[in-house]
Amino acid sequence: MPETVSDMLYLTSGEKPSKKEDRYLIKILANGFTYRETQEAKNLKLHELAEIYHQDPAYIGAQIRLTFLAPDIIEAILRGAQPKTPFRANESPCSHDV
C-alpha cells in the first residue's frame, strides 16, 4: 500500500506527478481507499468507521463512494486529466443547441 499521495500517483501511472493535478481531489480519493480498506478489513459499519477517524459518517461515505469510480476515471484524476468543472449525470458537457 502506498504511504503518500505521491507514491500512489507513481504506482498508478508509472510517472511522476504533473503540476496540474488536483491535490485536494487526490487526497480525498486516497482517504476514500484508506477508509474502505479499514472498513472491509475490520468489518465495520459506517458509523463505527466514522468514530475511529473522528469524522461525520456522511463525509466518510462520500469519500468511500469515490473509490467505486471507473478505473480510467481514477487514473485521469491521478494524472490531473479530470475536467476542471464537473457536471452531473443529468447535465451534458456538450451543447444541444441546434
N, C-alpha and C. Protein backbone atom coordinates (compact mmCIF):
# COMPACT_ATOMS: atom_id res chain seq x y z
N MET A 1 0.84 -1.18 0.00
CA MET A 1 0.00 0.00 0.00
C MET A 1 0.89 1.25 0.00
N PRO A 2 0.65 2.19 -0.92
CA PRO A 2 1.44 3.41 -0.94
C PRO A 2 1.24 4.21 0.34
N GLU A 3 2.30 4.86 0.80
CA GLU A 3 2.23 5.60 2.05
C GLU A 3 1.87 7.07 1.85
N THR A 4 2.15 7.62 0.69
CA THR A 4 1.84 9.02 0.43
C THR A 4 1.07 9.15 -0.87
N VAL A 5 0.49 10.33 -1.07
CA VAL A 5 -0.21 10.60 -2.32
C VAL A 5 0.74 10.49 -3.50
N SER A 6 1.97 10.99 -3.34
CA SER A 6 2.95 10.90 -4.42
C SER A 6 3.27 9.45 -4.77
N ASP A 7 3.35 8.59 -3.75
CA ASP A 7 3.58 7.16 -4.00
C ASP A 7 2.41 6.58 -4.79
N MET A 8 1.20 6.95 -4.41
CA MET A 8 0.00 6.46 -5.09
C MET A 8 0.01 6.89 -6.56
N LEU A 9 0.39 8.14 -6.80
CA LEU A 9 0.47 8.64 -8.18
C LEU A 9 1.50 7.86 -8.98
N TYR A 10 2.67 7.66 -8.40
CA TYR A 10 3.74 6.99 -9.11
C TYR A 10 3.39 5.53 -9.41
N LEU A 11 2.82 4.83 -8.43
CA LEU A 11 2.48 3.42 -8.63
C LEU A 11 1.37 3.25 -9.65
N THR A 12 0.44 4.17 -9.69
CA THR A 12 -0.70 4.03 -10.60
C THR A 12 -0.33 4.39 -12.03
N SER A 13 0.34 5.51 -12.20
CA SER A 13 0.59 5.99 -13.55
C SER A 13 1.97 5.62 -14.08
N GLY A 14 2.90 5.28 -13.17
CA GLY A 14 4.25 4.97 -13.60
C GLY A 14 5.06 6.20 -13.94
N GLU A 15 4.50 7.37 -13.68
CA GLU A 15 5.21 8.61 -13.96
C GLU A 15 5.09 9.56 -12.78
N LYS A 16 6.01 10.49 -12.70
CA LYS A 16 5.98 11.46 -11.61
C LYS A 16 4.73 12.34 -11.76
N PRO A 17 4.20 12.83 -10.64
CA PRO A 17 3.01 13.67 -10.71
C PRO A 17 3.24 14.92 -11.56
N SER A 18 2.20 15.32 -12.29
CA SER A 18 2.29 16.54 -13.08
C SER A 18 2.01 17.73 -12.17
N LYS A 19 2.23 18.92 -12.68
CA LYS A 19 2.00 20.11 -11.87
C LYS A 19 0.52 20.50 -11.85
N LYS A 20 -0.28 19.91 -12.72
CA LYS A 20 -1.67 20.33 -12.81
C LYS A 20 -2.65 19.43 -12.08
N GLU A 21 -2.17 18.39 -11.39
CA GLU A 21 -3.11 17.51 -10.70
C GLU A 21 -3.78 18.25 -9.55
N ASP A 22 -4.97 17.83 -9.23
CA ASP A 22 -5.75 18.42 -8.15
C ASP A 22 -5.41 17.67 -6.87
N ARG A 23 -4.49 18.21 -6.11
CA ARG A 23 -4.01 17.54 -4.89
C ARG A 23 -5.14 17.27 -3.91
N TYR A 24 -6.09 18.20 -3.80
CA TYR A 24 -7.22 18.04 -2.88
C TYR A 24 -8.06 16.83 -3.29
N LEU A 25 -8.37 16.74 -4.57
CA LEU A 25 -9.16 15.62 -5.07
C LEU A 25 -8.42 14.29 -4.89
N ILE A 26 -7.14 14.30 -5.13
CA ILE A 26 -6.33 13.08 -4.96
C ILE A 26 -6.30 12.67 -3.49
N LYS A 27 -6.17 13.65 -2.60
CA LYS A 27 -6.16 13.35 -1.17
C LYS A 27 -7.49 12.73 -0.73
N ILE A 28 -8.60 13.28 -1.22
CA ILE A 28 -9.92 12.74 -0.88
C ILE A 28 -10.04 11.30 -1.41
N LEU A 29 -9.57 11.07 -2.61
CA LEU A 29 -9.62 9.73 -3.20
C LEU A 29 -8.75 8.76 -2.38
N ALA A 30 -7.56 9.20 -2.00
CA ALA A 30 -6.68 8.35 -1.18
C ALA A 30 -7.32 8.05 0.17
N ASN A 31 -7.94 9.07 0.78
CA ASN A 31 -8.65 8.85 2.04
C ASN A 31 -9.76 7.83 1.86
N GLY A 32 -10.49 7.94 0.76
CA GLY A 32 -11.58 7.01 0.49
C GLY A 32 -11.09 5.57 0.44
N PHE A 33 -9.95 5.35 -0.21
CA PHE A 33 -9.40 4.00 -0.27
C PHE A 33 -8.95 3.53 1.11
N THR A 34 -8.40 4.44 1.91
CA THR A 34 -7.99 4.09 3.27
C THR A 34 -9.21 3.71 4.10
N TYR A 35 -10.25 4.52 4.04
CA TYR A 35 -11.47 4.24 4.80
C TYR A 35 -12.11 2.93 4.36
N ARG A 36 -12.16 2.72 3.06
CA ARG A 36 -12.77 1.49 2.53
C ARG A 36 -12.00 0.26 2.96
N GLU A 37 -10.66 0.36 2.88
CA GLU A 37 -9.81 -0.77 3.27
C GLU A 37 -9.98 -1.09 4.75
N THR A 38 -10.02 -0.06 5.59
CA THR A 38 -10.22 -0.25 7.02
C THR A 38 -11.58 -0.87 7.30
N GLN A 39 -12.60 -0.35 6.64
CA GLN A 39 -13.96 -0.84 6.84
C GLN A 39 -14.07 -2.32 6.46
N GLU A 40 -13.49 -2.69 5.33
CA GLU A 40 -13.57 -4.07 4.88
C GLU A 40 -12.72 -5.00 5.75
N ALA A 41 -11.54 -4.54 6.16
CA ALA A 41 -10.65 -5.38 6.96
C ALA A 41 -11.22 -5.67 8.34
N LYS A 42 -11.89 -4.67 8.92
CA LYS A 42 -12.41 -4.83 10.27
C LYS A 42 -13.91 -5.07 10.31
N ASN A 43 -14.52 -5.18 9.13
CA ASN A 43 -15.96 -5.43 9.01
C ASN A 43 -16.77 -4.43 9.86
N LEU A 44 -16.50 -3.14 9.63
CA LEU A 44 -17.14 -2.08 10.40
C LEU A 44 -18.33 -1.48 9.68
N LYS A 45 -19.28 -0.99 10.43
CA LYS A 45 -20.37 -0.20 9.87
C LYS A 45 -19.84 1.22 9.70
N LEU A 46 -20.52 1.99 8.86
CA LEU A 46 -20.05 3.33 8.55
C LEU A 46 -19.92 4.21 9.80
N HIS A 47 -20.88 4.14 10.70
CA HIS A 47 -20.81 4.98 11.90
C HIS A 47 -19.65 4.56 12.81
N GLU A 48 -19.30 3.28 12.81
CA GLU A 48 -18.15 2.82 13.60
C GLU A 48 -16.84 3.34 13.00
N LEU A 49 -16.78 3.30 11.68
CA LEU A 49 -15.61 3.81 10.98
C LEU A 49 -15.45 5.32 11.23
N ALA A 50 -16.55 6.03 11.21
CA ALA A 50 -16.53 7.47 11.45
C ALA A 50 -16.03 7.79 12.86
N GLU A 51 -16.39 6.97 13.83
CA GLU A 51 -15.91 7.18 15.20
C GLU A 51 -14.40 7.00 15.28
N ILE A 52 -13.87 6.02 14.58
CA ILE A 52 -12.43 5.77 14.59
C ILE A 52 -11.67 6.98 14.03
N TYR A 53 -12.18 7.53 12.92
CA TYR A 53 -11.48 8.64 12.25
C TYR A 53 -11.97 10.02 12.70
N HIS A 54 -12.90 10.05 13.64
CA HIS A 54 -13.44 11.31 14.17
C HIS A 54 -13.97 12.20 13.04
N GLN A 55 -14.76 11.59 12.16
CA GLN A 55 -15.36 12.29 11.04
C GLN A 55 -16.86 12.00 11.01
N ASP A 56 -17.58 12.80 10.25
CA ASP A 56 -19.00 12.58 10.06
C ASP A 56 -19.20 11.37 9.14
N PRO A 57 -20.15 10.48 9.46
CA PRO A 57 -20.36 9.30 8.61
C PRO A 57 -20.68 9.66 7.15
N ALA A 58 -21.42 10.74 6.93
CA ALA A 58 -21.75 11.14 5.55
C ALA A 58 -20.50 11.56 4.78
N TYR A 59 -19.59 12.23 5.47
CA TYR A 59 -18.33 12.67 4.86
C TYR A 59 -17.48 11.47 4.46
N ILE A 60 -17.37 10.52 5.35
CA ILE A 60 -16.59 9.31 5.04
C ILE A 60 -17.28 8.50 3.94
N GLY A 61 -18.59 8.39 4.00
CA GLY A 61 -19.32 7.66 2.97
C GLY A 61 -19.12 8.25 1.59
N ALA A 62 -19.12 9.57 1.50
CA ALA A 62 -18.90 10.23 0.21
C ALA A 62 -17.51 9.92 -0.34
N GLN A 63 -16.53 9.89 0.55
CA GLN A 63 -15.17 9.59 0.09
C GLN A 63 -15.04 8.13 -0.32
N ILE A 64 -15.69 7.24 0.39
CA ILE A 64 -15.66 5.82 0.02
C ILE A 64 -16.32 5.62 -1.34
N ARG A 65 -17.41 6.33 -1.60
CA ARG A 65 -18.10 6.19 -2.90
C ARG A 65 -17.19 6.55 -4.07
N LEU A 66 -16.26 7.48 -3.86
CA LEU A 66 -15.33 7.83 -4.94
C LEU A 66 -14.46 6.66 -5.36
N THR A 67 -14.23 5.72 -4.46
CA THR A 67 -13.37 4.57 -4.78
C THR A 67 -14.03 3.62 -5.77
N PHE A 68 -15.32 3.79 -6.00
CA PHE A 68 -16.04 2.93 -6.94
C PHE A 68 -16.14 3.56 -8.33
N LEU A 69 -15.44 4.67 -8.55
CA LEU A 69 -15.39 5.24 -9.89
C LEU A 69 -14.68 4.26 -10.82
N ALA A 70 -14.95 4.37 -12.09
CA ALA A 70 -14.29 3.51 -13.08
C ALA A 70 -12.77 3.73 -13.01
N PRO A 71 -11.99 2.67 -13.21
CA PRO A 71 -10.53 2.80 -13.13
C PRO A 71 -9.96 3.88 -14.04
N ASP A 72 -10.52 4.05 -15.23
CA ASP A 72 -9.99 5.08 -16.13
C ASP A 72 -10.25 6.48 -15.59
N ILE A 73 -11.34 6.67 -14.86
CA ILE A 73 -11.61 7.98 -14.25
C ILE A 73 -10.63 8.23 -13.11
N ILE A 74 -10.38 7.21 -12.30
CA ILE A 74 -9.42 7.35 -11.20
C ILE A 74 -8.03 7.67 -11.76
N GLU A 75 -7.63 6.99 -12.82
CA GLU A 75 -6.33 7.25 -13.43
C GLU A 75 -6.25 8.67 -13.98
N ALA A 76 -7.35 9.14 -14.57
CA ALA A 76 -7.37 10.51 -15.09
C ALA A 76 -7.21 11.52 -13.95
N ILE A 77 -7.86 11.26 -12.82
CA ILE A 77 -7.71 12.14 -11.66
C ILE A 77 -6.26 12.15 -11.19
N LEU A 78 -5.65 11.00 -11.12
CA LEU A 78 -4.26 10.91 -10.66
C LEU A 78 -3.29 11.58 -11.62
N ARG A 79 -3.61 11.57 -12.92
CA ARG A 79 -2.77 12.24 -13.92
C ARG A 79 -3.05 13.73 -14.00
N GLY A 80 -4.15 14.18 -13.38
CA GLY A 80 -4.53 15.58 -13.48
C GLY A 80 -5.31 15.87 -14.75
N ALA A 81 -5.89 14.84 -15.35
CA ALA A 81 -6.61 14.99 -16.61
C ALA A 81 -8.12 15.06 -16.44
N GLN A 82 -8.60 15.23 -15.21
CA GLN A 82 -10.04 15.32 -14.99
C GLN A 82 -10.53 16.69 -15.45
N PRO A 83 -11.83 16.80 -15.78
CA PRO A 83 -12.35 18.11 -16.20
C PRO A 83 -12.23 19.12 -15.07
N LYS A 84 -12.03 20.38 -15.42
CA LYS A 84 -11.91 21.41 -14.39
C LYS A 84 -13.25 21.68 -13.71
N THR A 85 -14.33 21.58 -14.47
CA THR A 85 -15.66 21.78 -13.89
C THR A 85 -16.46 20.50 -14.06
N PRO A 86 -16.81 19.86 -12.96
CA PRO A 86 -17.59 18.63 -13.05
C PRO A 86 -19.02 18.91 -13.50
N PHE A 87 -19.66 17.90 -14.05
CA PHE A 87 -21.06 18.02 -14.42
C PHE A 87 -21.82 16.85 -13.84
N ARG A 88 -23.09 17.04 -13.61
CA ARG A 88 -23.93 16.00 -13.04
C ARG A 88 -24.39 15.05 -14.14
N ALA A 89 -24.89 13.90 -13.74
CA ALA A 89 -25.32 12.88 -14.71
C ALA A 89 -26.41 13.40 -15.63
N ASN A 90 -27.28 14.29 -15.14
CA ASN A 90 -28.36 14.78 -15.98
C ASN A 90 -27.94 15.99 -16.81
N GLU A 91 -26.70 16.43 -16.67
CA GLU A 91 -26.18 17.52 -17.47
C GLU A 91 -25.20 16.94 -18.49
N SER A 92 -24.99 17.66 -19.55
CA SER A 92 -24.07 17.19 -20.57
C SER A 92 -22.99 18.23 -20.79
N PRO A 93 -21.76 17.79 -21.00
CA PRO A 93 -20.70 18.76 -21.32
C PRO A 93 -20.82 19.27 -22.75
N CYS A 94 -21.74 18.67 -23.53
CA CYS A 94 -21.93 19.06 -24.92
C CYS A 94 -23.07 20.07 -25.05
N SER A 95 -23.01 20.85 -26.06
CA SER A 95 -24.10 21.80 -26.31
C SER A 95 -25.16 21.12 -27.16
N HIS A 96 -26.41 21.32 -26.78
CA HIS A 96 -27.52 20.72 -27.55
C HIS A 96 -28.21 21.76 -28.41
N ASP A 97 -27.58 22.94 -28.55
CA ASP A 97 -28.15 23.96 -29.41
C ASP A 97 -27.99 23.54 -30.85
N VAL A 98 -29.08 23.44 -31.55
CA VAL A 98 -29.00 23.01 -32.95
C VAL A 98 -29.55 24.11 -33.83
